[in-house]
Amino acid sequence: MARSTMEVAFLGTQMTQVDDTKYAKVFYGDEPDGKTEHGLSIIGMAIAEDAADEVFMAGAQFEPLQLVRITFDVARGGQNKGKNLALHIEAVDNKARTTASPAPAASTGKPADPAKA
C-alpha cells in the first residue's frame, strides 16, 4: 500500500451510518476536462473507516473552494486499479508557501561601503 498527498479545492465531507457501518467521503474540485464538464470537476474519495470521524469533523473548518491537503492511502482495488482512502485533511498554508522562498533584496545600484563592513 502506498501513501500520498495532494492539494485540491475543498468542497465538503459527508457521512452516512447504516447499522454499524460508517460510509464517509470527502469531496474536492479539480480542473474540468472541458469535454464532459465545465467549471469544476467534482470528485469524491472514500475516507478510511478508522479516520472517518476525524476527517468528517475536520471538514467543518474549511470554506468552500479553500485549498486543502489530503493525505490518503492507495490500496489495491479490483482489476489492478488503485483505491484511494482519505486519512487526514488539513488547510494549505499559503503564507508558508510564499515566504518559503523570499524575494532577493532590492539592489540600490551603489557599491557597498567596505568601511561599514
C-alpha atoms as a PDB file:
ATOM      1  CA  MET A   1       0.000   0.000   0.000  1.00  0.00           C
ATOM      2  CA  ALA A   2       1.316   3.452  -0.898  1.00  0.00           C
ATOM      3  CA  ARG A   3       0.684   6.760   0.850  1.00  0.00           C
ATOM      4  CA  SER A   4       0.375  10.081  -0.957  1.00  0.00           C
ATOM      5  CA  THR A   5      -0.847  13.663  -0.552  1.00  0.00           C
ATOM      6  CA  MET A   6      -2.499  16.133  -2.866  1.00  0.00           C
ATOM      7  CA  GLU A   7      -3.586  19.752  -2.685  1.00  0.00           C
ATOM      8  CA  VAL A   8      -7.064  20.442  -4.012  1.00  0.00           C
ATOM      9  CA  ALA A   9     -10.049  22.778  -3.649  1.00  0.00           C
ATOM     10  CA  PHE A  10     -12.256  21.603  -0.749  1.00  0.00           C
ATOM     11  CA  LEU A  11     -15.957  21.067  -1.434  1.00  0.00           C
ATOM     12  CA  GLY A  12     -17.244  19.084   1.535  1.00  0.00           C
ATOM     13  CA  THR A  13     -17.331  15.963   3.685  1.00  0.00           C
ATOM     14  CA  GLN A  14     -20.237  13.579   4.017  1.00  0.00           C
ATOM     15  CA  MET A  15     -21.002  10.707   6.406  1.00  0.00           C
ATOM     16  CA  THR A  16     -23.820   8.202   6.421  1.00  0.00           C
ATOM     17  CA  GLN A  17     -24.211   5.476   9.019  1.00  0.00           C
ATOM     18  CA  VAL A  18     -26.086   2.286   8.206  1.00  0.00           C
ATOM     19  CA  ASP A  19     -26.370  -0.099  11.137  1.00  0.00           C
ATOM     20  CA  ASP A  20     -22.806  -0.318  12.499  1.00  0.00           C
ATOM     21  CA  THR A  21     -21.050   0.759   9.300  1.00  0.00           C
ATOM     22  CA  LYS A  22     -19.961   4.326   8.508  1.00  0.00           C
ATOM     23  CA  TYR A  23     -19.727   5.466   4.914  1.00  0.00           C
ATOM     24  CA  ALA A  24     -17.726   8.684   4.696  1.00  0.00           C
ATOM     25  CA  LYS A  25     -16.430  10.703   1.753  1.00  0.00           C
ATOM     26  CA  VAL A  26     -14.505  13.878   1.130  1.00  0.00           C
ATOM     27  CA  PHE A  27     -15.368  15.850  -1.998  1.00  0.00           C
ATOM     28  CA  TYR A  28     -12.912  18.083  -3.805  1.00  0.00           C
ATOM     29  CA  GLY A  29     -12.733  20.039  -7.021  1.00  0.00           C
ATOM     30  CA  ASP A  30     -10.349  19.547  -9.883  1.00  0.00           C
ATOM     31  CA  GLU A  31      -9.746  21.217 -13.226  1.00  0.00           C
ATOM     32  CA  PRO A  32     -12.554  20.366 -15.662  1.00  0.00           C
ATOM     33  CA  ASP A  33     -11.657  18.384 -18.764  1.00  0.00           C
ATOM     34  CA  GLY A  34     -13.566  20.824 -20.992  1.00  0.00           C
ATOM     35  CA  LYS A  35     -15.344  17.962 -22.755  1.00  0.00           C
ATOM     36  CA  THR A  36     -17.664  16.315 -20.258  1.00  0.00           C
ATOM     37  CA  GLU A  37     -17.623  19.027 -17.597  1.00  0.00           C
ATOM     38  CA  HIS A  38     -17.146  22.780 -17.287  1.00  0.00           C
ATOM     39  CA  GLY A  39     -16.408  24.985 -14.280  1.00  0.00           C
ATOM     40  CA  LEU A  40     -15.180  22.443 -11.753  1.00  0.00           C
ATOM     41  CA  SER A  41     -14.867  18.679 -11.778  1.00  0.00           C
ATOM     42  CA  ILE A  42     -16.380  17.249  -8.589  1.00  0.00           C
ATOM     43  CA  ILE A  43     -14.538  14.195  -7.269  1.00  0.00           C
ATOM     44  CA  GLY A  44     -15.337  12.083  -4.224  1.00  0.00           C
ATOM     45  CA  MET A  45     -12.868   9.999  -2.233  1.00  0.00           C
ATOM     46  CA  ALA A  46     -13.828   7.456   0.390  1.00  0.00           C
ATOM     47  CA  ILE A  47     -12.492   8.075   3.888  1.00  0.00           C
ATOM     48  CA  ALA A  48     -10.775   5.194   5.675  1.00  0.00           C
ATOM     49  CA  GLU A  49     -13.093   3.733   8.312  1.00  0.00           C
ATOM     50  CA  ASP A  50     -10.695   4.370  11.203  1.00  0.00           C
ATOM     51  CA  ALA A  51     -10.286   8.036  10.150  1.00  0.00           C
ATOM     52  CA  ALA A  52     -13.935   8.714   9.253  1.00  0.00           C
ATOM     53  CA  ASP A  53     -14.883  10.774  12.323  1.00  0.00           C
ATOM     54  CA  GLU A  54     -11.682  12.861  12.277  1.00  0.00           C
ATOM     55  CA  VAL A  55     -11.791  13.708   8.560  1.00  0.00           C
ATOM     56  CA  PHE A  56     -15.548  14.324   8.581  1.00  0.00           C
ATOM     57  CA  MET A  57     -15.307  16.750  11.505  1.00  0.00           C
ATOM     58  CA  ALA A  58     -12.269  18.495  10.005  1.00  0.00           C
ATOM     59  CA  GLY A  59     -14.431  19.370   7.010  1.00  0.00           C
ATOM     60  CA  ALA A  60     -16.426  21.781   9.192  1.00  0.00           C
ATOM     61  CA  GLN A  61     -13.462  24.154   9.471  1.00  0.00           C
ATOM     62  CA  PHE A  62     -12.910  24.763   5.737  1.00  0.00           C
ATOM     63  CA  GLU A  63     -14.577  27.237   3.422  1.00  0.00           C
ATOM     64  CA  PRO A  64     -15.845  26.037   0.040  1.00  0.00           C
ATOM     65  CA  LEU A  65     -13.000  26.038  -2.519  1.00  0.00           C
ATOM     66  CA  GLN A  66     -10.358  26.546   0.202  1.00  0.00           C
ATOM     67  CA  LEU A  67      -7.089  24.844  -0.727  1.00  0.00           C
ATOM     68  CA  VAL A  68      -6.589  21.728   1.415  1.00  0.00           C
ATOM     69  CA  ARG A  69      -4.040  18.933   1.591  1.00  0.00           C
ATOM     70  CA  ILE A  70      -5.473  15.415   1.680  1.00  0.00           C
ATOM     71  CA  THR A  71      -3.292  12.534   2.866  1.00  0.00           C
ATOM     72  CA  PHE A  72      -4.500   9.199   1.552  1.00  0.00           C
ATOM     73  CA  ASP A  73      -3.553   5.557   1.160  1.00  0.00           C
ATOM     74  CA  VAL A  74      -3.676   3.927  -2.224  1.00  0.00           C
ATOM     75  CA  ALA A  75      -4.877   0.368  -1.668  1.00  0.00           C
ATOM     76  CA  ARG A  76      -5.132  -2.242  -4.347  1.00  0.00           C
ATOM     77  CA  GLY A  77      -8.618  -2.330  -5.807  1.00  0.00           C
ATOM     78  CA  GLY A  78     -10.270  -4.614  -8.307  1.00  0.00           C
ATOM     79  CA  GLN A  79      -8.871  -5.115 -11.817  1.00  0.00           C
ATOM     80  CA  ASN A  80      -5.440  -3.744 -10.814  1.00  0.00           C
ATOM     81  CA  LYS A  81      -6.872  -0.308 -10.065  1.00  0.00           C
ATOM     82  CA  GLY A  82      -5.915   1.751  -7.042  1.00  0.00           C
ATOM     83  CA  LYS A  83      -8.489   2.610  -4.388  1.00  0.00           C
ATOM     84  CA  ASN A  84      -7.804   5.911  -2.613  1.00  0.00           C
ATOM     85  CA  LEU A  85      -8.789   6.149   1.065  1.00  0.00           C
ATOM     86  CA  ALA A  86      -8.510   9.550   2.772  1.00  0.00           C
ATOM     87  CA  LEU A  87      -6.698   9.518   6.122  1.00  0.00           C
ATOM     88  CA  HIS A  88      -6.238  13.194   7.008  1.00  0.00           C
ATOM     89  CA  ILE A  89      -7.192  16.627   5.719  1.00  0.00           C
ATOM     90  CA  GLU A  90      -5.618  19.981   6.574  1.00  0.00           C
ATOM     91  CA  ALA A  91      -5.570  23.535   5.285  1.00  0.00           C
ATOM     92  CA  VAL A  92      -2.740  24.508   2.967  1.00  0.00           C
ATOM     93  CA  ASP A  93      -0.883  27.429   4.478  1.00  0.00           C
ATOM     94  CA  ASN A  94      -0.451  29.827   1.543  1.00  0.00           C
ATOM     95  CA  LYS A  95       1.686  32.152   3.686  1.00  0.00           C
ATOM     96  CA  ALA A  96       4.260  29.418   4.272  1.00  0.00           C
ATOM     97  CA  ARG A  97       4.460  28.782   0.542  1.00  0.00           C
ATOM     98  CA  THR A  98       5.064  32.433  -0.310  1.00  0.00           C
ATOM     99  CA  THR A  99       7.552  33.086   2.480  1.00  0.00           C
ATOM    100  CA  ALA A 100       9.482  29.860   1.967  1.00  0.00           C
ATOM    101  CA  SER A 101      11.390  31.418  -0.905  1.00  0.00           C
ATOM    102  CA  PRO A 102      11.773  35.123  -0.090  1.00  0.00           C
ATOM    103  CA  ALA A 103      12.490  37.535  -2.907  1.00  0.00           C
ATOM    104  CA  PRO A 104      16.085  38.719  -3.196  1.00  0.00           C
ATOM    105  CA  ALA A 105      16.836  42.075  -1.589  1.00  0.00           C
ATOM    106  CA  ALA A 106      16.484  45.030  -3.899  1.00  0.00           C
ATOM    107  CA  SER A 107      19.749  46.479  -5.141  1.00  0.00           C
ATOM    108  CA  THR A 108      20.296  50.224  -4.944  1.00  0.00           C
ATOM    109  CA  GLY A 109      22.885  50.107  -7.718  1.00  0.00           C
ATOM    110  CA  LYS A 110      25.564  51.578  -5.386  1.00  0.00           C
ATOM    111  CA  PRO A 111      28.574  49.514  -4.372  1.00  0.00           C
ATOM    112  CA  ALA A 112      28.751  48.522  -0.715  1.00  0.00           C
ATOM    113  CA  ASP A 113      30.906  50.729   1.518  1.00  0.00           C
ATOM    114  CA  PRO A 114      33.800  48.472   2.672  1.00  0.00           C
ATOM    115  CA  ALA A 115      34.387  50.715   5.707  1.00  0.00           C
ATOM    116  CA  LYS A 116      30.983  49.776   7.130  1.00  0.00           C
ATOM    117  CA  ALA A 117      31.600  46.048   6.724  1.00  0.00           C
END
